[in-house]
Amino acid sequence: MPNTKSAEKHLRKSSRKRIFNLKAKKELKEHLKQLKDLMEAKKKDEALAFFPKIQSLLDRLVKRKKLVANNANRKKRRILEKISKINGS
C-alpha cells in the first residue's frame, strides 16, 4: 500500500503501463504462434509473406521501448533463418 501521494500516482501509472505491456506481449506471442504454424506446415512462401507483419510489430515495440533493439533484431534474424531452412513451398 502506497504511503505518499506520489507513490499512489506511481502505482496508478505502473498499473496502466502493465496493461499496455501485457497487450503488446500477447500480440507478439500470437503473431509468433501463427508464423510457427506456417513453418510447421512447411509453407515457406506464406511464412515469408507473413514475416513483414512480425518485423513491423517488433520495430514498433522497440520504438515504444517495450523491447531492446538488439533483442528485436536477434528475433528477426532467427526467424528468417528458420524460414530459410524450410524445404518446399
Protein backbone atom coordinates (compact mmCIF):
# COMPACT_ATOMS: atom_id res chain seq x y z
CA MET A 1 0.00 0.00 0.00
CA PRO A 2 1.45 3.37 -1.02
CA ASN A 3 2.23 5.80 1.80
CA THR A 4 2.51 9.09 -0.10
CA LYS A 5 0.60 10.82 -2.89
CA SER A 6 3.50 10.39 -5.29
CA ALA A 7 3.60 6.66 -4.50
CA GLU A 8 -0.15 6.44 -5.22
CA LYS A 9 0.38 8.17 -8.55
CA HIS A 10 3.25 5.81 -9.38
CA LEU A 11 1.00 2.85 -8.59
CA ARG A 12 -1.66 4.16 -10.99
CA LYS A 13 0.93 4.81 -13.71
CA SER A 14 2.55 1.41 -13.37
CA SER A 15 -0.80 -0.40 -13.45
CA ARG A 16 -1.72 1.43 -16.69
CA LYS A 17 1.68 0.62 -18.21
CA ARG A 18 1.29 -3.02 -17.17
CA ILE A 19 -1.91 -3.31 -19.21
CA PHE A 20 -0.22 -1.93 -22.33
CA ASN A 21 2.85 -4.10 -21.83
CA LEU A 22 0.76 -7.25 -21.45
CA LYS A 23 -1.24 -6.37 -24.57
CA ALA A 24 1.96 -5.88 -26.59
CA LYS A 25 3.44 -9.14 -25.29
CA LYS A 26 0.25 -11.04 -26.12
CA GLU A 27 0.13 -9.61 -29.65
CA LEU A 28 3.74 -10.65 -30.27
CA LYS A 29 3.12 -14.17 -28.96
CA GLU A 30 0.04 -14.55 -31.18
CA HIS A 31 1.95 -13.47 -34.29
CA LEU A 32 4.85 -15.79 -33.49
CA LYS A 33 2.42 -18.66 -32.98
CA GLN A 34 0.83 -18.03 -36.39
CA LEU A 35 4.26 -17.99 -38.00
CA LYS A 36 5.25 -21.19 -36.19
CA ASP A 37 2.13 -22.90 -37.54
CA LEU A 38 3.04 -21.82 -41.07
CA MET A 39 6.59 -23.09 -40.65
CA GLU A 40 5.43 -26.44 -39.27
CA ALA A 41 3.11 -26.79 -42.28
CA LYS A 42 6.19 -26.13 -44.48
CA LYS A 43 4.55 -23.14 -46.17
CA LYS A 44 7.69 -21.16 -46.89
CA ASP A 45 6.12 -18.60 -49.24
CA GLU A 46 3.30 -17.79 -46.83
CA ALA A 47 5.74 -17.57 -43.91
CA LEU A 48 7.89 -15.11 -45.89
CA ALA A 49 4.78 -13.10 -46.74
CA PHE A 50 3.78 -13.04 -43.04
CA PHE A 51 7.25 -12.04 -41.82
CA PRO A 52 6.87 -8.28 -42.55
CA LYS A 53 3.96 -8.14 -40.07
CA ILE A 54 6.16 -9.55 -37.33
CA GLN A 55 9.03 -7.29 -38.35
CA SER A 56 6.76 -4.26 -38.18
CA LEU A 57 5.43 -5.29 -34.77
CA LEU A 58 8.94 -5.80 -33.38
CA ASP A 59 10.03 -2.41 -34.71
CA ARG A 60 7.00 -0.74 -33.10
CA LEU A 61 7.78 -2.40 -29.76
CA VAL A 62 11.35 -1.10 -29.97
CA LYS A 63 10.09 2.39 -30.80
CA ARG A 64 7.77 2.30 -27.77
CA LYS A 65 10.61 0.98 -25.58
CA LYS A 66 8.87 -2.32 -24.87
CA LEU A 67 11.80 -4.27 -26.36
CA VAL A 68 15.51 -3.59 -26.66
CA ALA A 69 16.66 -3.05 -30.25
CA ASN A 70 19.24 -5.84 -30.18
CA ASN A 71 16.66 -8.26 -28.80
CA ALA A 72 14.24 -7.45 -31.65
CA ASN A 73 17.00 -7.72 -34.26
CA ARG A 74 18.05 -11.09 -32.87
CA LYS A 75 14.45 -12.35 -33.01
CA LYS A 76 14.06 -11.19 -36.63
CA ARG A 77 17.34 -12.80 -37.69
CA ARG A 78 16.47 -16.12 -36.03
CA ILE A 79 13.01 -16.15 -37.57
CA LEU A 80 14.44 -15.55 -41.05
CA GLU A 81 16.99 -18.33 -40.53
CA LYS A 82 14.23 -20.77 -39.55
CA ILE A 83 12.13 -19.75 -42.56
CA SER A 84 15.07 -20.19 -44.92
CA LYS A 85 15.63 -23.74 -43.64
CA ILE A 86 12.11 -24.79 -44.65
CA ASN A 87 12.16 -27.19 -47.60
CA GLY A 88 9.40 -26.98 -50.16
CA SER A 89 6.64 -24.43 -50.54
